[in-house]
């Protein structure tokens, strides 16, 4: 599936770095499906990622420091070269999967047993 640069207003908020407005709209119940989106070089620090579908997304060199992805779908996402200090990942992602994606850009595969 090709990466999207969509007109979705929630996606545009993140691309524009308006994390505060994104979080507010999400809290108010805005629909959020960001699967297969392109987040290259985007600063996502402070993002409320709980419940968001980021499957298939491309986070190359994004700043995801401190983001809690533990309740997020990251199946098939890639974090190559991203800043990940303090980020939480879903328990279904092994440390090896995260490292392979961070260093080599592989798409992360979930361990269904976790």
PDB file of N, CA and C in Angstrom:
ATOM      1  N   UNK A   1       0.846  -1.177   0.000  1.00  0.00           N
ATOM      2  CA  UNK A   1       0.000   0.000   0.000  1.00  0.00           C
ATOM      3  C   UNK A   1       0.892   1.242   0.000  1.00  0.00           C
ATOM      4  N   UNK A   2       0.641   2.184  -0.888  1.00  0.00           N
ATOM      5  CA  UNK A   2       1.466   3.395  -0.935  1.00  0.00           C
ATOM      6  C   UNK A   2       1.190   4.299   0.269  1.00  0.00           C
ATOM      7  N   UNK A   3       2.188   5.063   0.645  1.00  0.00           N
ATOM      8  CA  UNK A   3       2.018   6.015   1.733  1.00  0.00           C
ATOM      9  C   UNK A   3       1.140   7.163   1.274  1.00  0.00           C
ATOM     10  N   UNK A   4       0.378   7.676   2.214  1.00  0.00           N
ATOM     11  CA  UNK A   4      -0.559   8.733   1.894  1.00  0.00           C
ATOM     12  C   UNK A   4      -0.095  10.075   2.446  1.00  0.00           C
ATOM     13  N   UNK A   5      -0.318  11.094   1.708  1.00  0.00           N
ATOM     14  CA  UNK A   5      -0.265  12.462   2.209  1.00  0.00           C
ATOM     15  C   UNK A   5      -1.668  12.969   1.961  1.00  0.00           C
ATOM     16  N   UNK A   6      -2.504  12.756   2.928  1.00  0.00           N
ATOM     17  CA  UNK A   6      -3.940  12.939   2.784  1.00  0.00           C
ATOM     18  C   UNK A   6      -4.397  14.350   3.145  1.00  0.00           C
ATOM     19  N   UNK A   7      -5.621  14.640   2.775  1.00  0.00           N
ATOM     20  CA  UNK A   7      -6.248  15.917   3.123  1.00  0.00           C
ATOM     21  C   UNK A   7      -6.938  15.852   4.472  1.00  0.00           C
ATOM     22  N   UNK A   8      -6.883  14.674   5.121  1.00  0.00           N
ATOM     23  CA  UNK A   8      -7.520  14.499   6.424  1.00  0.00           C
ATOM     24  C   UNK A   8      -7.061  15.605   7.368  1.00  0.00           C
ATOM     25  N   UNK A   9      -7.994  16.346   7.962  1.00  0.00           N
ATOM     26  CA  UNK A   9      -7.597  17.464   8.830  1.00  0.00           C
ATOM     27  C   UNK A   9      -6.769  17.043  10.048  1.00  0.00           C
ATOM     28  N   UNK A  10      -7.016  15.837  10.576  1.00  0.00           N
ATOM     29  CA  UNK A  10      -6.235  15.380  11.726  1.00  0.00           C
ATOM     30  C   UNK A  10      -4.793  15.091  11.309  1.00  0.00           C
ATOM     31  N   UNK A  11      -4.629  14.511  10.130  1.00  0.00           N
ATOM     32  CA  UNK A  11      -3.281  14.271   9.596  1.00  0.00           C
ATOM     33  C   UNK A  11      -2.560  15.597   9.371  1.00  0.00           C
ATOM     34  N   UNK A  12      -3.253  16.555   8.803  1.00  0.00           N
ATOM     35  CA  UNK A  12      -2.640  17.856   8.523  1.00  0.00           C
ATOM     36  C   UNK A  12      -2.188  18.559   9.805  1.00  0.00           C
ATOM     37  N   UNK A  13      -2.954  18.413  10.876  1.00  0.00           N
ATOM     38  CA  UNK A  13      -2.546  19.002  12.159  1.00  0.00           C
ATOM     39  C   UNK A  13      -1.190  18.452  12.598  1.00  0.00           C
ATOM     40  N   UNK A  14      -1.011  17.138  12.462  1.00  0.00           N
ATOM     41  CA  UNK A  14       0.271  16.538  12.848  1.00  0.00           C
ATOM     42  C   UNK A  14       1.388  16.964  11.908  1.00  0.00           C
ATOM     43  N   UNK A  15       1.128  16.980  10.621  1.00  0.00           N
ATOM     44  CA  UNK A  15       2.145  17.411   9.649  1.00  0.00           C
ATOM     45  C   UNK A  15       2.579  18.856   9.915  1.00  0.00           C
ATOM     46  N   UNK A  16       1.610  19.673  10.362  1.00  0.00           N
ATOM     47  CA  UNK A  16       1.901  21.089  10.625  1.00  0.00           C
ATOM     48  C   UNK A  16       2.495  21.320  12.011  1.00  0.00           C
ATOM     49  N   UNK A  17       2.619  20.243  12.806  1.00  0.00           N
ATOM     50  CA  UNK A  17       3.204  20.370  14.141  1.00  0.00           C
ATOM     51  C   UNK A  17       2.248  20.892  15.196  1.00  0.00           C
ATOM     52  N   UNK A  18       0.955  20.876  14.918  1.00  0.00           N
ATOM     53  CA  UNK A  18      -0.037  21.372  15.875  1.00  0.00           C
ATOM     54  C   UNK A  18      -0.559  20.218  16.732  1.00  0.00           C
ATOM     55  N   UNK A  19       0.321  19.702  17.568  1.00  0.00           N
ATOM     56  CA  UNK A  19       0.007  18.550  18.417  1.00  0.00           C
ATOM     57  C   UNK A  19      -1.094  18.899  19.421  1.00  0.00           C
ATOM     58  N   UNK A  20      -1.035  20.095  19.967  1.00  0.00           N
ATOM     59  CA  UNK A  20      -2.006  20.516  20.978  1.00  0.00           C
ATOM     60  C   UNK A  20      -3.436  20.475  20.422  1.00  0.00           C
ATOM     61  N   UNK A  21      -3.646  21.012  19.235  1.00  0.00           N
ATOM     62  CA  UNK A  21      -4.979  21.003  18.626  1.00  0.00           C
ATOM     63  C   UNK A  21      -5.400  19.574  18.276  1.00  0.00           C
ATOM     64  N   UNK A  22      -4.458  18.768  17.751  1.00  0.00           N
ATOM     65  CA  UNK A  22      -4.749  17.369  17.450  1.00  0.00           C
ATOM     66  C   UNK A  22      -5.255  16.663  18.700  1.00  0.00           C
ATOM     67  N   UNK A  23      -4.511  16.804  19.802  1.00  0.00           N
ATOM     68  CA  UNK A  23      -4.889  16.142  21.050  1.00  0.00           C
ATOM     69  C   UNK A  23      -6.268  16.605  21.536  1.00  0.00           C
ATOM     70  N   UNK A  24      -6.544  17.898  21.422  1.00  0.00           N
ATOM     71  CA  UNK A  24      -7.842  18.438  21.849  1.00  0.00           C
ATOM     72  C   UNK A  24      -8.977  17.869  21.012  1.00  0.00           C
ATOM     73  N   UNK A  25      -8.812  17.863  19.701  1.00  0.00           N
ATOM     74  CA  UNK A  25      -9.856  17.351  18.808  1.00  0.00           C
ATOM     75  C   UNK A  25     -10.063  15.850  19.025  1.00  0.00           C
ATOM     76  N   UNK A  26      -8.975  15.123  19.252  1.00  0.00           N
ATOM     77  CA  UNK A  26      -9.079  13.683  19.526  1.00  0.00           C
ATOM     78  C   UNK A  26      -9.861  13.459  20.813  1.00  0.00           C
ATOM     79  N   UNK A  27      -9.554  14.236  21.831  1.00  0.00           N
ATOM     80  CA  UNK A  27     -10.242  14.118  23.119  1.00  0.00           C
ATOM     81  C   UNK A  27     -11.733  14.445  22.968  1.00  0.00           C
ATOM     82  N   UNK A  28     -12.065  15.357  22.052  1.00  0.00           N
ATOM     83  CA  UNK A  28     -13.465  15.727  21.810  1.00  0.00           C
ATOM     84  C   UNK A  28     -14.195  14.685  20.971  1.00  0.00           C
ATOM     85  N   UNK A  29     -13.477  13.654  20.487  1.00  0.00           N
ATOM     86  CA  UNK A  29     -14.118  12.575  19.758  1.00  0.00           C
ATOM     87  C   UNK A  29     -13.920  12.582  18.257  1.00  0.00           C
ATOM     88  N   UNK A  30     -13.002  13.387  17.752  1.00  0.00           N
ATOM     89  CA  UNK A  30     -12.740  13.414  16.311  1.00  0.00           C
ATOM     90  C   UNK A  30     -12.270  12.047  15.831  1.00  0.00           C
ATOM     91  N   UNK A  31     -12.709  11.655  14.635  1.00  0.00           N
ATOM     92  CA  UNK A  31     -12.311  10.379  14.042  1.00  0.00           C
ATOM     93  C   UNK A  31     -10.824  10.438  13.686  1.00  0.00           C
ATOM     94  N   UNK A  32     -10.078   9.408  14.104  1.00  0.00           N
ATOM     95  CA  UNK A  32      -8.645   9.375  13.839  1.00  0.00           C
ATOM     96  C   UNK A  32      -8.245   8.015  13.278  1.00  0.00           C
ATOM     97  N   UNK A  33      -7.963   7.957  11.984  1.00  0.00           N
ATOM     98  CA  UNK A  33      -7.401   6.771  11.340  1.00  0.00           C
ATOM     99  C   UNK A  33      -6.266   7.262  10.464  1.00  0.00           C
ATOM    100  N   UNK A  34      -5.065   7.034  10.918  1.00  0.00           N
ATOM    101  CA  UNK A  34      -3.891   7.545  10.209  1.00  0.00           C
ATOM    102  C   UNK A  34      -3.062   6.423   9.615  1.00  0.00           C
ATOM    103  N   UNK A  35      -3.700   5.302   9.312  1.00  0.00           N
ATOM    104  CA  UNK A  35      -2.971   4.173   8.745  1.00  0.00           C
ATOM    105  C   UNK A  35      -2.357   4.551   7.400  1.00  0.00           C
ATOM    106  N   UNK A  36      -1.160   4.014   7.157  1.00  0.00           N
ATOM    107  CA  UNK A  36      -0.420   4.195   5.903  1.00  0.00           C
ATOM    108  C   UNK A  36      -0.080   5.651   5.575  1.00  0.00           C
ATOM    109  N   UNK A  37       0.097   6.459   6.599  1.00  0.00           N
ATOM    110  CA  UNK A  37       0.453   7.862   6.380  1.00  0.00           C
ATOM    111  C   UNK A  37       1.958   8.076   6.485  1.00  0.00           C
ATOM    112  N   UNK A  38       2.396   9.153   5.912  1.00  0.00           N
ATOM    113  CA  UNK A  38       3.811   9.525   5.858  1.00  0.00           C
ATOM    114  C   UNK A  38       4.103  10.573   6.929  1.00  0.00           C
ATOM    115  N   UNK A  39       4.907  10.196   7.915  1.00  0.00           N
ATOM    116  CA  UNK A  39       5.297  11.115   8.985  1.00  0.00           C
ATOM    117  C   UNK A  39       6.803  11.360   8.985  1.00  0.00           C
ATOM    118  N   UNK A  40       7.422  11.277   7.828  1.00  0.00           N
ATOM    119  CA  UNK A  40       8.863  11.542   7.730  1.00  0.00           C
ATOM    120  C   UNK A  40       9.197  12.913   8.291  1.00  0.00           C
ATOM    121  N   UNK A  41      10.197  12.932   9.170  1.00  0.00           N
ATOM    122  CA  UNK A  41      10.740  14.173   9.737  1.00  0.00           C
ATOM    123  C   UNK A  41       9.741  15.003  10.534  1.00  0.00           C
ATOM    124  N   UNK A  42       8.632  14.410  10.967  1.00  0.00           N
ATOM    125  CA  UNK A  42       7.624  15.145  11.724  1.00  0.00           C
ATOM    126  C   UNK A  42       7.932  15.045  13.216  1.00  0.00           C
ATOM    127  N   UNK A  43       7.774  16.151  13.926  1.00  0.00           N
ATOM    128  CA  UNK A  43       7.957  16.193  15.379  1.00  0.00           C
ATOM    129  C   UNK A  43       6.617  15.848  16.023  1.00  0.00           C
ATOM    130  N   UNK A  44       6.547  14.687  16.668  1.00  0.00           N
ATOM    131  CA  UNK A  44       5.310  14.221  17.291  1.00  0.00           C
ATOM    132  C   UNK A  44       5.385  14.217  18.816  1.00  0.00           C
ATOM    133  N   UNK A  45       6.393  14.863  19.386  1.00  0.00           N
ATOM    134  CA  UNK A  45       6.501  14.914  20.842  1.00  0.00           C
ATOM    135  C   UNK A  45       5.215  15.503  21.434  1.00  0.00           C
ATOM    136  N   UNK A  46       4.727  14.868  22.502  1.00  0.00           N
ATOM    137  CA  UNK A  46       3.523  15.334  23.176  1.00  0.00           C
ATOM    138  C   UNK A  46       2.240  14.770  22.610  1.00  0.00           C
ATOM    139  N   UNK A  47       2.340  13.932  21.595  1.00  0.00           N
ATOM    140  CA  UNK A  47       1.169  13.339  20.943  1.00  0.00           C
ATOM    141  C   UNK A  47       0.441  12.369  21.865  1.00  0.00           C
ATOM    142  N   UNK A  48      -0.883  12.473  21.912  1.00  0.00           N
ATOM    143  CA  UNK A  48      -1.720  11.471  22.573  1.00  0.00           C
ATOM    144  C   UNK A  48      -2.043  10.426  21.520  1.00  0.00           C
ATOM    145  N   UNK A  49      -1.304   9.326  21.517  1.00  0.00           N
ATOM    146  CA  UNK A  49      -1.424   8.304  20.479  1.00  0.00           C
ATOM    147  C   UNK A  49      -2.378   7.178  20.843  1.00  0.00           C
ATOM    148  N   UNK A  50      -2.923   7.167  22.043  1.00  0.00           N
ATOM    149  CA  UNK A  50      -3.772   6.062  22.493  1.00  0.00           C
ATOM    150  C   UNK A  50      -4.936   5.840  21.536  1.00  0.00           C
ATOM    151  N   UNK A  51      -5.063   4.590  21.068  1.00  0.00           N
ATOM    152  CA  UNK A  51      -6.173   4.208  20.221  1.00  0.00           C
ATOM    153  C   UNK A  51      -6.055   4.582  18.751  1.00  0.00           C
ATOM    154  N   UNK A  52      -4.982   5.247  18.363  1.00  0.00           N
ATOM    155  CA  UNK A  52      -4.814   5.671  16.969  1.00  0.00           C
ATOM    156  C   UNK A  52      -4.242   4.523  16.132  1.00  0.00           C
ATOM    157  N   UNK A  53      -4.749   4.377  14.917  1.00  0.00           N
ATOM    158  CA  UNK A  53      -4.241   3.362  13.998  1.00  0.00           C
ATOM    159  C   UNK A  53      -3.117   3.969  13.160  1.00  0.00           C
ATOM    160  N   UNK A  54      -1.884   3.594  13.494  1.00  0.00           N
ATOM    161  CA  UNK A  54      -0.703   4.031  12.748  1.00  0.00           C
ATOM    162  C   UNK A  54      -0.120   2.866  11.942  1.00  0.00           C
ATOM    163  N   UNK A  55      -0.930   1.848  11.677  1.00  0.00           N
ATOM    164  CA  UNK A  55      -0.413   0.696  10.944  1.00  0.00           C
ATOM    165  C   UNK A  55       0.073   1.124   9.557  1.00  0.00           C
ATOM    166  N   UNK A  56       1.211   0.582   9.173  1.00  0.00           N
ATOM    167  CA  UNK A  56       1.770   0.867   7.852  1.00  0.00           C
ATOM    168  C   UNK A  56       2.378   2.250   7.692  1.00  0.00           C
ATOM    169  N   UNK A  57       2.453   3.017   8.753  1.00  0.00           N
ATOM    170  CA  UNK A  57       2.987   4.384   8.650  1.00  0.00           C
ATOM    171  C   UNK A  57       4.506   4.397   8.536  1.00  0.00           C
ATOM    172  N   UNK A  58       5.001   5.469   8.009  1.00  0.00           N
ATOM    173  CA  UNK A  58       6.426   5.661   7.794  1.00  0.00           C
ATOM    174  C   UNK A  58       6.874   6.832   8.652  1.00  0.00           C
ATOM    175  N   UNK A  59       7.684   6.553   9.675  1.00  0.00           N
ATOM    176  CA  UNK A  59       8.150   7.555  10.628  1.00  0.00           C
ATOM    177  C   UNK A  59       9.643   7.859  10.467  1.00  0.00           C
ATOM    178  N   UNK A  60      10.192   7.713   9.285  1.00  0.00           N
ATOM    179  CA  UNK A  60      11.630   7.924   9.075  1.00  0.00           C
ATOM    180  C   UNK A  60      12.065   9.288   9.616  1.00  0.00           C
ATOM    181  N   UNK A  61      13.024   9.250  10.524  1.00  0.00           N
ATOM    182  CA  UNK A  61      13.628  10.418  11.152  1.00  0.00           C
ATOM    183  C   UNK A  61      12.620  11.336  11.838  1.00  0.00           C
ATOM    184  N   UNK A  62      11.490  10.777  12.244  1.00  0.00           N
ATOM    185  CA  UNK A  62      10.512  11.543  13.016  1.00  0.00           C
ATOM    186  C   UNK A  62      10.993  11.651  14.459  1.00  0.00           C
ATOM    187  N   UNK A  63      10.482  12.633  15.171  1.00  0.00           N
ATOM    188  CA  UNK A  63      10.796  12.785  16.589  1.00  0.00           C
ATOM    189  C   UNK A  63       9.606  12.265  17.377  1.00  0.00           C
ATOM    190  N   UNK A  64       9.740  11.038  17.886  1.00  0.00           N
ATOM    191  CA  UNK A  64       8.664  10.418  18.657  1.00  0.00           C
ATOM    192  C   UNK A  64       9.081  10.234  20.120  1.00  0.00           C
ATOM    193  N   UNK A  65      10.030  11.035  20.557  1.00  0.00           N
ATOM    194  CA  UNK A  65      10.503  10.941  21.935  1.00  0.00           C
ATOM    195  C   UNK A  65       9.357  11.149  22.917  1.00  0.00           C
ATOM    196  N   UNK A  66       9.251  10.202  23.855  1.00  0.00           N
ATOM    197  CA  UNK A  66       8.265  10.304  24.921  1.00  0.00           C
ATOM    198  C   UNK A  66       6.841   9.942  24.532  1.00  0.00           C
ATOM    199  N   UNK A  67       6.592   9.592  23.279  1.00  0.00           N
ATOM    200  CA  UNK A  67       5.229   9.240  22.857  1.00  0.00           C
ATOM    201  C   UNK A  67       4.879   7.844  23.367  1.00  0.00           C
ATOM    202  N   UNK A  68       3.685   7.714  23.931  1.00  0.00           N
ATOM    203  CA  UNK A  68       3.215   6.431  24.431  1.00  0.00           C
ATOM    204  C   UNK A  68       2.385   5.757  23.345  1.00  0.00           C
ATOM    205  N   UNK A  69       3.016   4.818  22.642  1.00  0.00           N
ATOM    206  CA  UNK A  69       2.353   4.040  21.596  1.00  0.00           C
ATOM    207  C   UNK A  69       1.814   2.714  22.132  1.00  0.00           C
ATOM    208  N   UNK A  70       1.816   2.517  23.459  1.00  0.00           N
ATOM    209  CA  UNK A  70       1.471   1.215  24.025  1.00  0.00           C
ATOM    210  C   UNK A  70       0.055   0.760  23.682  1.00  0.00           C
ATOM    211  N   UNK A  71      -0.855   1.691  23.433  1.00  0.00           N
ATOM    212  CA  UNK A  71      -2.231   1.343  23.068  1.00  0.00           C
ATOM    213  C   UNK A  71      -2.519   1.761  21.629  1.00  0.00           C
ATOM    214  N   UNK A  72      -1.513   1.625  20.782  1.00  0.00           N
ATOM    215  CA  UNK A  72      -1.581   2.081  19.400  1.00  0.00           C
ATOM    216  C   UNK A  72      -1.265   0.937  18.459  1.00  0.00           C
ATOM    217  N   UNK A  73      -1.871   0.922  17.288  1.00  0.00           N
ATOM    218  CA  UNK A  73      -1.564  -0.085  16.282  1.00  0.00           C
ATOM    219  C   UNK A  73      -0.394   0.399  15.429  1.00  0.00           C
ATOM    220  N   UNK A  74       0.756  -0.242  15.591  1.00  0.00           N
ATOM    221  CA  UNK A  74       1.950   0.079  14.803  1.00  0.00           C
ATOM    222  C   UNK A  74       2.339  -1.066  13.868  1.00  0.00           C
ATOM    223  N   UNK A  75       1.427  -1.992  13.651  1.00  0.00           N
ATOM    224  CA  UNK A  75       1.711  -3.148  12.791  1.00  0.00           C
ATOM    225  C   UNK A  75       2.121  -2.665  11.397  1.00  0.00           C
ATOM    226  N   UNK A  76       3.307  -3.077  10.947  1.00  0.00           N
ATOM    227  CA  UNK A  76       3.785  -2.722   9.612  1.00  0.00           C
ATOM    228  C   UNK A  76       4.367  -1.327   9.501  1.00  0.00           C
ATOM    229  N   UNK A  77       4.464  -0.604  10.607  1.00  0.00           N
ATOM    230  CA  UNK A  77       5.059   0.738  10.582  1.00  0.00           C
ATOM    231  C   UNK A  77       6.584   0.634  10.576  1.00  0.00           C
ATOM    232  N   UNK A  78       7.241   1.692  10.134  1.00  0.00           N
ATOM    233  CA  UNK A  78       8.703   1.755  10.115  1.00  0.00           C
ATOM    234  C   UNK A  78       9.155   3.028  10.815  1.00  0.00           C
ATOM    235  N   UNK A  79      10.178   2.888  11.680  1.00  0.00           N
ATOM    236  CA  UNK A  79      10.681   4.033  12.450  1.00  0.00           C
ATOM    237  C   UNK A  79      12.151   4.326  12.145  1.00  0.00           C
ATOM    238  N   UNK A  80      12.603   4.010  10.967  1.00  0.00           N
ATOM    239  CA  UNK A  80      14.014   4.154  10.603  1.00  0.00           C
ATOM    240  C   UNK A  80      14.567   5.532  10.947  1.00  0.00           C
ATOM    241  N   UNK A  81      15.626   5.550  11.741  1.00  0.00           N
ATOM    242  CA  UNK A  81      16.321   6.787  12.073  1.00  0.00           C
ATOM    243  C   UNK A  81      15.557   7.742  12.965  1.00  0.00           C
ATOM    244  N   UNK A  82      14.458   7.302  13.550  1.00  0.00           N
ATOM    245  CA  UNK A  82      13.658   8.183  14.406  1.00  0.00           C
ATOM    246  C   UNK A  82      14.323   8.401  15.750  1.00  0.00           C
ATOM    247  N   UNK A  83      13.943   9.489  16.397  1.00  0.00           N
ATOM    248  CA  UNK A  83      14.366   9.758  17.770  1.00  0.00           C
ATOM    249  C   UNK A  83      13.327   9.108  18.667  1.00  0.00           C
ATOM    250  N   UNK A  84      13.727   8.074  19.417  1.00  0.00           N
ATOM    251  CA  UNK A  84      12.770   7.260  20.168  1.00  0.00           C
ATOM    252  C   UNK A  84      12.966   7.292  21.686  1.00  0.00           C
ATOM    253  N   UNK A  85      13.868   8.095  22.178  1.00  0.00           N
ATOM    254  CA  UNK A  85      14.139   8.112  23.608  1.00  0.00           C
ATOM    255  C   UNK A  85      12.855   8.332  24.406  1.00  0.00           C
ATOM    256  N   UNK A  86      12.591   7.434  25.348  1.00  0.00           N
ATOM    257  CA  UNK A  86      11.435   7.569  26.226  1.00  0.00           C
ATOM    258  C   UNK A  86      10.116   7.148  25.617  1.00  0.00           C
ATOM    259  N   UNK A  87      10.114   6.682  24.372  1.00  0.00           N
ATOM    260  CA  UNK A  87       8.867   6.235  23.745  1.00  0.00           C
ATOM    261  C   UNK A  87       8.478   4.864  24.290  1.00  0.00           C
ATOM    262  N   UNK A  88       7.183   4.640  24.423  1.00  0.00           N
ATOM    263  CA  UNK A  88       6.649   3.332  24.806  1.00  0.00           C
ATOM    264  C   UNK A  88       6.071   2.683  23.556  1.00  0.00           C
ATOM    265  N   UNK A  89       6.310   1.387  23.413  1.00  0.00           N
ATOM    266  CA  UNK A  89       5.815   0.649  22.262  1.00  0.00           C
ATOM    267  C   UNK A  89       4.867  -0.451  22.728  1.00  0.00           C
ATOM    268  N   UNK A  90       3.967  -0.919  21.855  1.00  0.00           N
ATOM    269  CA  UNK A  90       3.057  -2.003  22.236  1.00  0.00           C
ATOM    270  C   UNK A  90       3.825  -3.244  22.689  1.00  0.00           C
ATOM    271  N   UNK A  91       3.285  -3.942  23.679  1.00  0.00           N
ATOM    272  CA  UNK A  91       3.975  -5.116  24.206  1.00  0.00           C
ATOM    273  C   UNK A  91       4.121  -6.212  23.160  1.00  0.00           C
ATOM    274  N   UNK A  92       3.323  -6.164  22.089  1.00  0.00           N
ATOM    275  CA  UNK A  92       3.409  -7.166  21.027  1.00  0.00           C
ATOM    276  C   UNK A  92       4.638  -6.956  20.137  1.00  0.00           C
ATOM    277  N   UNK A  93       5.329  -5.835  20.310  1.00  0.00           N
ATOM    278  CA  UNK A  93       6.550  -5.569  19.537  1.00  0.00           C
ATOM    279  C   UNK A  93       7.762  -5.911  20.389  1.00  0.00           C
ATOM    280  N   UNK A  94       8.557  -6.836  19.919  1.00  0.00           N
ATOM    281  CA  UNK A  94       9.765  -7.202  20.662  1.00  0.00           C
ATOM    282  C   UNK A  94      10.814  -6.109  20.500  1.00  0.00           C
ATOM    283  N   UNK A  95      11.760  -6.084  21.414  1.00  0.00           N
ATOM    284  CA  UNK A  95      12.857  -5.128  21.327  1.00  0.00           C
ATOM    285  C   UNK A  95      13.620  -5.305  20.022  1.00  0.00           C
ATOM    286  N   UNK A  96      13.766  -6.540  19.566  1.00  0.00           N
ATOM    287  CA  UNK A  96      14.463  -6.818  18.313  1.00  0.00           C
ATOM    288  C   UNK A  96      13.715  -6.214  17.120  1.00  0.00           C
ATOM    289  N   UNK A  97      12.400  -6.354  17.080  1.00  0.00           N
ATOM    290  CA  UNK A  97      11.606  -5.767  15.995  1.00  0.00           C
ATOM    291  C   UNK A  97      11.782  -4.247  15.964  1.00  0.00           C
ATOM    292  N   UNK A  98      11.745  -3.636  17.129  1.00  0.00           N
ATOM    293  CA  UNK A  98      11.894  -2.184  17.221  1.00  0.00           C
ATOM    294  C   UNK A  98      13.282  -1.779  16.742  1.00  0.00           C
ATOM    295  N   UNK A  99      14.306  -2.509  17.204  1.00  0.00           N
ATOM    296  CA  UNK A  99      15.679  -2.203  16.792  1.00  0.00           C
ATOM    297  C   UNK A  99      15.877  -2.381  15.284  1.00  0.00           C
ATOM    298  N   UNK A 100      15.361  -3.457  14.720  1.00  0.00           N
ATOM    299  CA  UNK A 100      15.494  -3.683  13.282  1.00  0.00           C
ATOM    300  C   UNK A 100      14.837  -2.563  12.483  1.00  0.00           C
ATOM    301  N   UNK A 101      13.701  -2.105  12.951  1.00  0.00           N
ATOM    302  CA  UNK A 101      13.012  -1.014  12.265  1.00  0.00           C
ATOM    303  C   UNK A 101      13.780   0.294  12.418  1.00  0.00           C
ATOM    304  N   UNK A 102      14.279   0.548  13.614  1.00  0.00           N
ATOM    305  CA  UNK A 102      15.014   1.781  13.883  1.00  0.00           C
ATOM    306  C   UNK A 102      16.306   1.863  13.076  1.00  0.00           C
ATOM    307  N   UNK A 103      17.036   0.761  13.012  1.00  0.00           N
ATOM    308  CA  UNK A 103      18.347   0.749  12.360  1.00  0.00           C
ATOM    309  C   UNK A 103      18.263   0.477  10.859  1.00  0.00           C
ATOM    310  N   UNK A 104      17.383  -0.451  10.473  1.00  0.00           N
ATOM    311  CA  UNK A 104      17.350  -0.885   9.072  1.00  0.00           C
ATOM    312  C   UNK A 104      16.075  -0.502   8.324  1.00  0.00           C
ATOM    313  N   UNK A 105      15.107   0.057   9.019  1.00  0.00           N
ATOM    314  CA  UNK A 105      13.875   0.486   8.363  1.00  0.00           C
ATOM    315  C   UNK A 105      12.878  -0.612   8.063  1.00  0.00           C
ATOM    316  N   UNK A 106      13.038  -1.784   8.691  1.00  0.00           N
ATOM    317  CA  UNK A 106      12.081  -2.862   8.433  1.00  0.00           C
ATOM    318  C   UNK A 106      10.705  -2.483   8.975  1.00  0.00           C
ATOM    319  N   UNK A 107       9.694  -3.106   8.424  1.00  0.00           N
ATOM    320  CA  UNK A 107       8.323  -2.912   8.897  1.00  0.00           C
ATOM    321  C   UNK A 107       8.137  -3.782  10.139  1.00  0.00           C
ATOM    322  N   UNK A 108       7.609  -3.217  11.199  1.00  0.00           N
ATOM    323  CA  UNK A 108       7.500  -3.930  12.474  1.00  0.00           C
ATOM    324  C   UNK A 108       6.385  -4.975  12.434  1.00  0.00           C
ATOM    325  N   UNK A 109       6.744  -6.174  12.907  1.00  0.00           N
ATOM    326  CA  UNK A 109       5.808  -7.296  12.966  1.00  0.00           C
ATOM    327  C   UNK A 109       5.464  -7.594  14.417  1.00  0.00           C
ATOM    328  N   UNK A 110       4.210  -7.791  14.671  1.00  0.00           N
ATOM    329  CA  UNK A 110       3.734  -8.081  16.026  1.00  0.00           C
ATOM    330  C   UNK A 110       3.939  -9.537  16.382  1.00  0.00           C
ATOM    331  N   UNK A 111       4.289  -9.777  17.638  1.00  0.00           N
ATOM    332  CA  UNK A 111       4.340 -11.122  18.198  1.00  0.00           C
ATOM    333  C   UNK A 111       2.959 -11.387  18.785  1.00  0.00           C
ATOM    334  N   UNK A 112       2.185 -12.199  18.134  1.00  0.00           N
ATOM    335  CA  UNK A 112       0.804 -12.446  18.544  1.00  0.00           C
ATOM    336  C   UNK A 112       0.702 -13.172  19.884  1.00  0.00           C
ATOM    337  N   UNK A 113       1.804 -13.745  20.379  1.00  0.00           N
ATOM    338  CA  UNK A 113       1.800 -14.465  21.655  1.00  0.00           C
ATOM    339  C   UNK A 113       1.928 -13.516  22.838  1.00  0.00           C
ATOM    340  N   UNK A 114       2.392 -12.298  22.604  1.00  0.00           N
ATOM    341  CA  UNK A 114       2.649 -11.354  23.701  1.00  0.00           C
ATOM    342  C   UNK A 114       1.369 -10.765  24.248  1.00  0.00           C
TER     343      UNK A 114
END
